[in-house]
Amino acid sequence: MRINILTIFPEIFSGFISAGIVGRAVSKGLVEFKLVNIRDFATDHYGSVDDYPYGGGSGMVMRVDVVHRALSSIEEPGYRVLTSPKGEVFNQKMAEELKEKHTLTFICGRYKGIDARIEAFVDRVLSTGDFILSGGEVAAMTMVDAIVRLLPGVVGKEDSVNTDSFVSGLLEPPLFTRPGEYMGMKVPEVLLSGNHESIRRWRMKEALRLTMERRPELLDKLEMDEEMGRMLTELKKEKGDEGD
């Protein structure tokens, strides 16, 4: 996979693309990055990329001509993504879709954003959530990390990826490791039992419990089998009993 990133702060990405999962993917030759400094395409010797907004108002807006020139400098931009708080909220399903692209290009805005006409030159506008960042770089890193770790050969044990939160539609169940007891808190006995079927059922029920408590809206989209439906009914009864 090739990933192009357009930004006015390419140095922000130096550690990101050389460490951790992403760095491993680069070292294995599974991902190649190209960082494009938008300032290199400014029309003046100051490297100006922004200007005052038409119609007045506070803040500065990145110029469409400068950003488009930067985008046009890439021979094969592939699938073009603009990071913006006004975009669709990025999720695991989108990460699965985007990992199939041969080339991705991320455009990172700054200031109040980029002139709206830039959207005529992109395939998708994506956001990482209902909050404002100081720039699109962190949002792009978040999306890239989620995408790259799904590529075959990046994560050592691919089963680890397949059991992550959101992959099944549920949050991941609680995880434990050594020590078996810490400050009076013990690892659930079932996880020490060696009974794989009991462990599977426990994990499924705890995933449902955690999702019901923290992200109940996910349950509305979940395709449940009979066993999951039964467990959810039990959990709702337990919750009702606790409220009595």
C-alpha atoms as a PDB file:
ATOM      1  CA  MET A   1       0.000   0.000   0.000  1.00  0.00           C
ATOM      2  CA  ARG A   2       1.115   3.551  -0.723  1.00  0.00           C
ATOM      3  CA  ILE A   3      -0.041   6.388   1.526  1.00  0.00           C
ATOM      4  CA  ASN A   4       0.412  10.041   0.602  1.00  0.00           C
ATOM      5  CA  ILE A   5      -0.083  12.703   3.254  1.00  0.00           C
ATOM      6  CA  LEU A   6      -0.519  16.398   2.450  1.00  0.00           C
ATOM      7  CA  THR A   7       0.282  18.643   5.409  1.00  0.00           C
ATOM      8  CA  ILE A   8       2.010  21.875   6.378  1.00  0.00           C
ATOM      9  CA  PHE A   9       3.761  20.003   9.192  1.00  0.00           C
ATOM     10  CA  PRO A  10       5.342  16.878   7.661  1.00  0.00           C
ATOM     11  CA  GLU A  11       7.759  16.625  10.592  1.00  0.00           C
ATOM     12  CA  ILE A  12       4.852  15.568  12.820  1.00  0.00           C
ATOM     13  CA  PHE A  13       4.803  12.206  11.034  1.00  0.00           C
ATOM     14  CA  SER A  14       8.479  11.299  11.424  1.00  0.00           C
ATOM     15  CA  GLY A  15       8.044   9.269  14.606  1.00  0.00           C
ATOM     16  CA  PHE A  16       4.668   7.897  13.592  1.00  0.00           C
ATOM     17  CA  ILE A  17       5.912   6.210  10.413  1.00  0.00           C
ATOM     18  CA  SER A  18       9.077   4.844  11.999  1.00  0.00           C
ATOM     19  CA  ALA A  19       7.760   3.252  15.207  1.00  0.00           C
ATOM     20  CA  GLY A  20       5.229   0.706  16.397  1.00  0.00           C
ATOM     21  CA  ILE A  21       2.876  -1.173  14.087  1.00  0.00           C
ATOM     22  CA  VAL A  22       3.153   1.407  11.317  1.00  0.00           C
ATOM     23  CA  GLY A  23       6.955   1.398  11.496  1.00  0.00           C
ATOM     24  CA  ARG A  24       6.919  -2.406  11.296  1.00  0.00           C
ATOM     25  CA  ALA A  25       4.745  -2.259   8.185  1.00  0.00           C
ATOM     26  CA  VAL A  26       7.193   0.186   6.587  1.00  0.00           C
ATOM     27  CA  SER A  27      10.231  -1.958   7.462  1.00  0.00           C
ATOM     28  CA  LYS A  28       8.527  -5.018   5.954  1.00  0.00           C
ATOM     29  CA  GLY A  29       7.839  -3.122   2.749  1.00  0.00           C
ATOM     30  CA  LEU A  30       4.077  -3.470   3.200  1.00  0.00           C
ATOM     31  CA  VAL A  31       3.464   0.284   3.284  1.00  0.00           C
ATOM     32  CA  GLU A  32       5.228   3.189   1.652  1.00  0.00           C
ATOM     33  CA  PHE A  33       4.679   6.790   2.745  1.00  0.00           C
ATOM     34  CA  LYS A  34       5.116  10.020   0.847  1.00  0.00           C
ATOM     35  CA  LEU A  35       4.855  13.276   2.818  1.00  0.00           C
ATOM     36  CA  VAL A  36       3.964  16.349   0.776  1.00  0.00           C
ATOM     37  CA  ASN A  37       4.553  19.777   2.309  1.00  0.00           C
ATOM     38  CA  ILE A  38       1.681  21.988   1.158  1.00  0.00           C
ATOM     39  CA  ARG A  39       3.809  25.098   1.754  1.00  0.00           C
ATOM     40  CA  ASP A  40       6.029  24.057  -1.155  1.00  0.00           C
ATOM     41  CA  PHE A  41       3.149  24.974  -3.453  1.00  0.00           C
ATOM     42  CA  ALA A  42       2.508  28.482  -2.130  1.00  0.00           C
ATOM     43  CA  THR A  43       2.419  31.364  -4.617  1.00  0.00           C
ATOM     44  CA  ASP A  44       4.679  33.709  -2.639  1.00  0.00           C
ATOM     45  CA  HIS A  45       8.147  33.461  -1.117  1.00  0.00           C
ATOM     46  CA  TYR A  46       6.649  33.506   2.389  1.00  0.00           C
ATOM     47  CA  GLY A  47       5.084  30.093   1.871  1.00  0.00           C
ATOM     48  CA  SER A  48       1.584  31.416   2.593  1.00  0.00           C
ATOM     49  CA  VAL A  49      -1.119  28.766   2.467  1.00  0.00           C
ATOM     50  CA  ASP A  50      -4.040  30.627   4.059  1.00  0.00           C
ATOM     51  CA  ASP A  51      -6.047  33.840   3.738  1.00  0.00           C
ATOM     52  CA  TYR A  52      -8.960  35.685   5.334  1.00  0.00           C
ATOM     53  CA  PRO A  53     -12.412  34.142   4.793  1.00  0.00           C
ATOM     54  CA  TYR A  54     -14.798  35.762   2.334  1.00  0.00           C
ATOM     55  CA  GLY A  55     -17.767  37.250   4.165  1.00  0.00           C
ATOM     56  CA  GLY A  56     -15.702  38.062   7.230  1.00  0.00           C
ATOM     57  CA  GLY A  57     -15.329  36.202  10.482  1.00  0.00           C
ATOM     58  CA  SER A  58     -12.485  35.084  12.686  1.00  0.00           C
ATOM     59  CA  GLY A  59      -9.668  32.744  11.759  1.00  0.00           C
ATOM     60  CA  MET A  60      -7.902  31.936   8.515  1.00  0.00           C
ATOM     61  CA  VAL A  61      -8.794  29.507   5.742  1.00  0.00           C
ATOM     62  CA  MET A  62      -6.381  27.377   3.705  1.00  0.00           C
ATOM     63  CA  ARG A  63      -6.412  28.293   0.011  1.00  0.00           C
ATOM     64  CA  VAL A  64      -7.916  25.812  -2.428  1.00  0.00           C
ATOM     65  CA  ASP A  65      -5.421  26.653  -5.190  1.00  0.00           C
ATOM     66  CA  VAL A  66      -2.396  25.922  -3.005  1.00  0.00           C
ATOM     67  CA  VAL A  67      -3.796  22.668  -1.635  1.00  0.00           C
ATOM     68  CA  HIS A  68      -4.959  21.534  -5.068  1.00  0.00           C
ATOM     69  CA  ARG A  69      -1.514  22.147  -6.543  1.00  0.00           C
ATOM     70  CA  ALA A  70      -0.039  19.985  -3.796  1.00  0.00           C
ATOM     71  CA  LEU A  71      -2.582  17.261  -4.544  1.00  0.00           C
ATOM     72  CA  SER A  72      -1.950  17.487  -8.290  1.00  0.00           C
ATOM     73  CA  SER A  73       1.779  16.987  -7.736  1.00  0.00           C
ATOM     74  CA  ILE A  74       1.090  13.336  -6.848  1.00  0.00           C
ATOM     75  CA  GLU A  75       1.119  11.183  -9.983  1.00  0.00           C
ATOM     76  CA  GLU A  76      -1.231   8.537  -8.590  1.00  0.00           C
ATOM     77  CA  PRO A  77      -3.212   9.917  -5.608  1.00  0.00           C
ATOM     78  CA  GLY A  78      -5.534   6.911  -5.583  1.00  0.00           C
ATOM     79  CA  TYR A  79      -8.403   7.267  -3.121  1.00  0.00           C
ATOM     80  CA  ARG A  80      -8.383  10.804  -1.716  1.00  0.00           C
ATOM     81  CA  VAL A  81      -9.505  11.516   1.851  1.00  0.00           C
ATOM     82  CA  LEU A  82      -9.992  14.960   3.377  1.00  0.00           C
ATOM     83  CA  THR A  83      -9.889  15.047   7.186  1.00  0.00           C
ATOM     84  CA  SER A  84     -12.519  17.405   8.556  1.00  0.00           C
ATOM     85  CA  PRO A  85     -14.845  17.591  11.602  1.00  0.00           C
ATOM     86  CA  LYS A  86     -17.648  18.017   9.056  1.00  0.00           C
ATOM     87  CA  GLY A  87     -17.055  14.572   7.543  1.00  0.00           C
ATOM     88  CA  GLU A  88     -18.494  11.116   8.180  1.00  0.00           C
ATOM     89  CA  VAL A  89     -17.285   9.662  11.466  1.00  0.00           C
ATOM     90  CA  PHE A  90     -14.566   7.108  10.763  1.00  0.00           C
ATOM     91  CA  ASN A  91     -15.168   3.590  12.069  1.00  0.00           C
ATOM     92  CA  GLN A  92     -13.865   0.023  11.838  1.00  0.00           C
ATOM     93  CA  LYS A  93     -15.968  -0.786   8.785  1.00  0.00           C
ATOM     94  CA  MET A  94     -14.385   2.125   6.919  1.00  0.00           C
ATOM     95  CA  ALA A  95     -10.920   0.940   7.958  1.00  0.00           C
ATOM     96  CA  GLU A  96     -11.753  -2.463   6.447  1.00  0.00           C
ATOM     97  CA  GLU A  97     -12.877  -0.797   3.215  1.00  0.00           C
ATOM     98  CA  LEU A  98      -9.878   1.491   2.923  1.00  0.00           C
ATOM     99  CA  LYS A  99      -7.320  -1.263   3.524  1.00  0.00           C
ATOM    100  CA  GLU A 100      -8.348  -2.662   0.131  1.00  0.00           C
ATOM    101  CA  LYS A 101      -7.166   0.487  -1.666  1.00  0.00           C
ATOM    102  CA  HIS A 102      -3.787   0.290  -3.378  1.00  0.00           C
ATOM    103  CA  THR A 103      -3.097   3.999  -2.779  1.00  0.00           C
ATOM    104  CA  LEU A 104      -4.552   6.430  -0.252  1.00  0.00           C
ATOM    105  CA  THR A 105      -4.019  10.176  -0.041  1.00  0.00           C
ATOM    106  CA  PHE A 106      -4.885  12.114   3.121  1.00  0.00           C
ATOM    107  CA  ILE A 107      -5.264  15.887   3.067  1.00  0.00           C
ATOM    108  CA  CYS A 108      -4.729  17.482   6.478  1.00  0.00           C
ATOM    109  CA  GLY A 109      -6.346  20.847   7.072  1.00  0.00           C
ATOM    110  CA  ARG A 110      -5.255  23.540   9.546  1.00  0.00           C
ATOM    111  CA  TYR A 111      -6.567  26.866  10.887  1.00  0.00           C
ATOM    112  CA  LYS A 112     -10.350  27.109  10.311  1.00  0.00           C
ATOM    113  CA  GLY A 113     -10.093  24.479   7.612  1.00  0.00           C
ATOM    114  CA  ILE A 114      -9.656  24.359   3.837  1.00  0.00           C
ATOM    115  CA  ASP A 115     -11.660  26.328   1.274  1.00  0.00           C
ATOM    116  CA  ALA A 116     -14.784  24.191   0.692  1.00  0.00           C
ATOM    117  CA  ARG A 117     -14.020  23.895  -3.021  1.00  0.00           C
ATOM    118  CA  ILE A 118     -11.306  21.334  -2.211  1.00  0.00           C
ATOM    119  CA  GLU A 119     -14.105  18.789  -1.728  1.00  0.00           C
ATOM    120  CA  ALA A 120     -14.541  18.728  -5.513  1.00  0.00           C
ATOM    121  CA  PHE A 121     -11.151  16.992  -5.705  1.00  0.00           C
ATOM    122  CA  VAL A 122     -11.567  14.302  -3.015  1.00  0.00           C
ATOM    123  CA  ASP A 123     -13.430  11.005  -2.775  1.00  0.00           C
ATOM    124  CA  ARG A 124     -14.423  11.175   0.866  1.00  0.00           C
ATOM    125  CA  VAL A 125     -14.505  13.553   3.826  1.00  0.00           C
ATOM    126  CA  LEU A 126     -13.851  11.815   7.156  1.00  0.00           C
ATOM    127  CA  SER A 127     -13.822  12.849  10.802  1.00  0.00           C
ATOM    128  CA  THR A 128     -12.530  11.064  13.891  1.00  0.00           C
ATOM    129  CA  GLY A 129     -15.363  12.305  16.106  1.00  0.00           C
ATOM    130  CA  ASP A 130     -17.431  15.188  17.358  1.00  0.00           C
ATOM    131  CA  PHE A 131     -14.572  17.341  18.604  1.00  0.00           C
ATOM    132  CA  ILE A 132     -12.121  19.839  17.161  1.00  0.00           C
ATOM    133  CA  LEU A 133      -8.399  19.177  16.737  1.00  0.00           C
ATOM    134  CA  SER A 134      -5.783  21.824  15.992  1.00  0.00           C
ATOM    135  CA  GLY A 135      -5.173  20.127  12.642  1.00  0.00           C
ATOM    136  CA  GLY A 136      -5.934  17.104  10.531  1.00  0.00           C
ATOM    137  CA  GLU A 137      -2.588  15.421  11.166  1.00  0.00           C
ATOM    138  CA  VAL A 138      -3.664  13.566  14.315  1.00  0.00           C
ATOM    139  CA  ALA A 139      -6.909  12.521  12.616  1.00  0.00           C
ATOM    140  CA  ALA A 140      -4.961  11.189   9.624  1.00  0.00           C
ATOM    141  CA  MET A 141      -2.607   9.259  11.923  1.00  0.00           C
ATOM    142  CA  THR A 142      -5.577   7.699  13.693  1.00  0.00           C
ATOM    143  CA  MET A 143      -7.122   6.521  10.450  1.00  0.00           C
ATOM    144  CA  VAL A 144      -3.831   5.336   8.968  1.00  0.00           C
ATOM    145  CA  ASP A 145      -3.019   3.329  12.096  1.00  0.00           C
ATOM    146  CA  ALA A 146      -6.445   1.652  12.029  1.00  0.00           C
ATOM    147  CA  ILE A 147      -6.027   0.801   8.345  1.00  0.00           C
ATOM    148  CA  VAL A 148      -2.401  -0.344   8.313  1.00  0.00           C
ATOM    149  CA  ARG A 149      -2.770  -2.774  11.220  1.00  0.00           C
ATOM    150  CA  LEU A 150      -5.387  -4.656   9.161  1.00  0.00           C
ATOM    151  CA  LEU A 151      -3.006  -5.358   6.286  1.00  0.00           C
ATOM    152  CA  PRO A 152      -1.943  -9.026   6.067  1.00  0.00           C
ATOM    153  CA  GLY A 153       1.484  -9.564   7.603  1.00  0.00           C
ATOM    154  CA  VAL A 154       1.546  -6.384   9.692  1.00  0.00           C
ATOM    155  CA  VAL A 155       0.303  -7.780  13.007  1.00  0.00           C
ATOM    156  CA  GLY A 156       2.111 -10.962  14.077  1.00  0.00           C
ATOM    157  CA  LYS A 157      -1.018 -12.824  15.154  1.00  0.00           C
ATOM    158  CA  GLU A 158      -3.849 -11.889  12.833  1.00  0.00           C
ATOM    159  CA  ASP A 159      -6.338 -13.514  15.218  1.00  0.00           C
ATOM    160  CA  SER A 160      -5.520 -10.644  17.586  1.00  0.00           C
ATOM    161  CA  VAL A 161      -6.874  -8.194  15.015  1.00  0.00           C
ATOM    162  CA  ASN A 162      -9.961 -10.306  14.384  1.00  0.00           C
ATOM    163  CA  THR A 163     -10.941 -10.191  18.072  1.00  0.00           C
ATOM    164  CA  ASP A 164     -10.510  -6.431  18.544  1.00  0.00           C
ATOM    165  CA  SER A 165     -13.361  -4.225  19.697  1.00  0.00           C
ATOM    166  CA  PHE A 166     -15.837  -3.331  16.897  1.00  0.00           C
ATOM    167  CA  VAL A 167     -14.698  -6.177  14.615  1.00  0.00           C
ATOM    168  CA  SER A 168     -17.498  -8.378  15.940  1.00  0.00           C
ATOM    169  CA  GLY A 169     -19.784  -5.393  16.445  1.00  0.00           C
ATOM    170  CA  LEU A 170     -19.189  -5.511  20.208  1.00  0.00           C
ATOM    171  CA  LEU A 171     -16.623  -3.983  22.519  1.00  0.00           C
ATOM    172  CA  GLU A 172     -13.858  -6.400  23.440  1.00  0.00           C
ATOM    173  CA  PRO A 173     -14.388  -8.261  26.755  1.00  0.00           C
ATOM    174  CA  PRO A 174     -12.130  -7.478  29.753  1.00  0.00           C
ATOM    175  CA  LEU A 175      -8.564  -8.776  29.423  1.00  0.00           C
ATOM    176  CA  PHE A 176      -6.284 -10.042  32.212  1.00  0.00           C
ATOM    177  CA  THR A 177      -2.710 -11.235  32.637  1.00  0.00           C
ATOM    178  CA  ARG A 178      -0.240 -11.850  35.506  1.00  0.00           C
ATOM    179  CA  PRO A 179      -0.315 -11.439  38.442  1.00  0.00           C
ATOM    180  CA  GLY A 180      -3.389 -13.529  39.170  1.00  0.00           C
ATOM    181  CA  GLU A 181      -4.227 -11.282  42.128  1.00  0.00           C
ATOM    182  CA  TYR A 182      -3.349  -7.626  42.602  1.00  0.00           C
ATOM    183  CA  MET A 183      -4.356  -5.504  45.600  1.00  0.00           C
ATOM    184  CA  GLY A 184      -7.181  -7.943  46.341  1.00  0.00           C
ATOM    185  CA  MET A 185      -8.449  -7.989  42.764  1.00  0.00           C
ATOM    186  CA  LYS A 186      -8.464 -11.501  41.294  1.00  0.00           C
ATOM    187  CA  VAL A 187      -8.584 -12.720  37.720  1.00  0.00           C
ATOM    188  CA  PRO A 188     -12.000 -14.352  37.083  1.00  0.00           C
ATOM    189  CA  GLU A 189     -11.796 -18.059  37.911  1.00  0.00           C
ATOM    190  CA  VAL A 190     -13.291 -19.105  34.587  1.00  0.00           C
ATOM    191  CA  LEU A 191     -10.250 -17.748  32.739  1.00  0.00           C
ATOM    192  CA  LEU A 192      -8.006 -20.033  34.787  1.00  0.00           C
ATOM    193  CA  SER A 193     -10.224 -23.103  34.348  1.00  0.00           C
ATOM    194  CA  GLY A 194      -8.840 -24.301  31.022  1.00  0.00           C
ATOM    195  CA  ASN A 195     -12.409 -24.949  29.887  1.00  0.00           C
ATOM    196  CA  HIS A 196     -12.417 -23.294  26.457  1.00  0.00           C
ATOM    197  CA  GLU A 197     -16.182 -23.440  25.996  1.00  0.00           C
ATOM    198  CA  SER A 198     -16.813 -21.802  29.376  1.00  0.00           C
ATOM    199  CA  ILE A 199     -14.220 -19.145  28.582  1.00  0.00           C
ATOM    200  CA  ARG A 200     -15.836 -18.474  25.198  1.00  0.00           C
ATOM    201  CA  ARG A 201     -19.283 -18.027  26.775  1.00  0.00           C
ATOM    202  CA  TRP A 202     -17.876 -15.802  29.541  1.00  0.00           C
ATOM    203  CA  ARG A 203     -16.112 -13.575  27.036  1.00  0.00           C
ATOM    204  CA  MET A 204     -19.195 -13.274  24.871  1.00  0.00           C
ATOM    205  CA  LYS A 205     -21.382 -12.338  27.802  1.00  0.00           C
ATOM    206  CA  GLU A 206     -18.864  -9.827  29.153  1.00  0.00           C
ATOM    207  CA  ALA A 207     -18.503  -8.261  25.697  1.00  0.00           C
ATOM    208  CA  LEU A 208     -22.280  -7.862  25.608  1.00  0.00           C
ATOM    209  CA  ARG A 209     -22.295  -6.466  29.159  1.00  0.00           C
ATOM    210  CA  LEU A 210     -19.591  -3.903  28.403  1.00  0.00           C
ATOM    211  CA  THR A 211     -21.254  -2.853  25.157  1.00  0.00           C
ATOM    212  CA  MET A 212     -24.640  -2.508  26.859  1.00  0.00           C
ATOM    213  CA  GLU A 213     -23.129  -0.310  29.579  1.00  0.00           C
ATOM    214  CA  ARG A 214     -20.803   1.877  27.496  1.00  0.00           C
ATOM    215  CA  ARG A 215     -21.977   1.808  23.869  1.00  0.00           C
ATOM    216  CA  PRO A 216     -25.597   0.598  23.876  1.00  0.00           C
ATOM    217  CA  GLU A 217     -26.230   2.072  20.416  1.00  0.00           C
ATOM    218  CA  LEU A 218     -23.959  -0.622  18.950  1.00  0.00           C
ATOM    219  CA  LEU A 219     -26.442  -3.299  19.987  1.00  0.00           C
ATOM    220  CA  ASP A 220     -29.052  -1.840  17.633  1.00  0.00           C
ATOM    221  CA  LYS A 221     -26.797  -2.658  14.652  1.00  0.00           C
ATOM    222  CA  LEU A 222     -25.747  -6.093  15.885  1.00  0.00           C
ATOM    223  CA  GLU A 223     -26.906  -9.282  14.175  1.00  0.00           C
ATOM    224  CA  MET A 224     -27.463 -11.583  17.149  1.00  0.00           C
ATOM    225  CA  ASP A 225     -27.732 -15.338  17.134  1.00  0.00           C
ATOM    226  CA  GLU A 226     -29.917 -17.204  19.623  1.00  0.00           C
ATOM    227  CA  GLU A 227     -27.137 -17.561  22.189  1.00  0.00           C
ATOM    228  CA  MET A 228     -26.291 -13.862  22.189  1.00  0.00           C
ATOM    229  CA  GLY A 229     -29.961 -12.931  22.414  1.00  0.00           C
ATOM    230  CA  ARG A 230     -30.364 -15.170  25.442  1.00  0.00           C
ATOM    231  CA  MET A 231     -27.302 -13.681  27.123  1.00  0.00           C
ATOM    232  CA  LEU A 232     -28.519 -10.141  26.481  1.00  0.00           C
ATOM    233  CA  THR A 233     -31.874 -10.983  28.029  1.00  0.00           C
ATOM    234  CA  GLU A 234     -30.081 -12.351  31.099  1.00  0.00           C
ATOM    235  CA  LEU A 235     -27.960  -9.186  31.353  1.00  0.00           C
ATOM    236  CA  LYS A 236     -31.014  -6.946  31.140  1.00  0.00           C
ATOM    237  CA  LYS A 237     -32.681  -8.957  33.904  1.00  0.00           C
ATOM    238  CA  GLU A 238     -29.543  -8.671  36.044  1.00  0.00           C
ATOM    239  CA  LYS A 239     -29.470  -4.938  35.497  1.00  0.00           C
ATOM    240  CA  GLY A 240     -33.122  -4.705  36.438  1.00  0.00           C
ATOM    241  CA  ASP A 241     -32.521  -6.719  39.609  1.00  0.00           C
ATOM    242  CA  GLU A 242     -29.675  -4.381  40.572  1.00  0.00           C
ATOM    243  CA  GLY A 243     -32.043  -1.427  40.333  1.00  0.00           C
ATOM    244  CA  ASP A 244     -34.600  -2.957  42.738  1.00  0.00           C
END
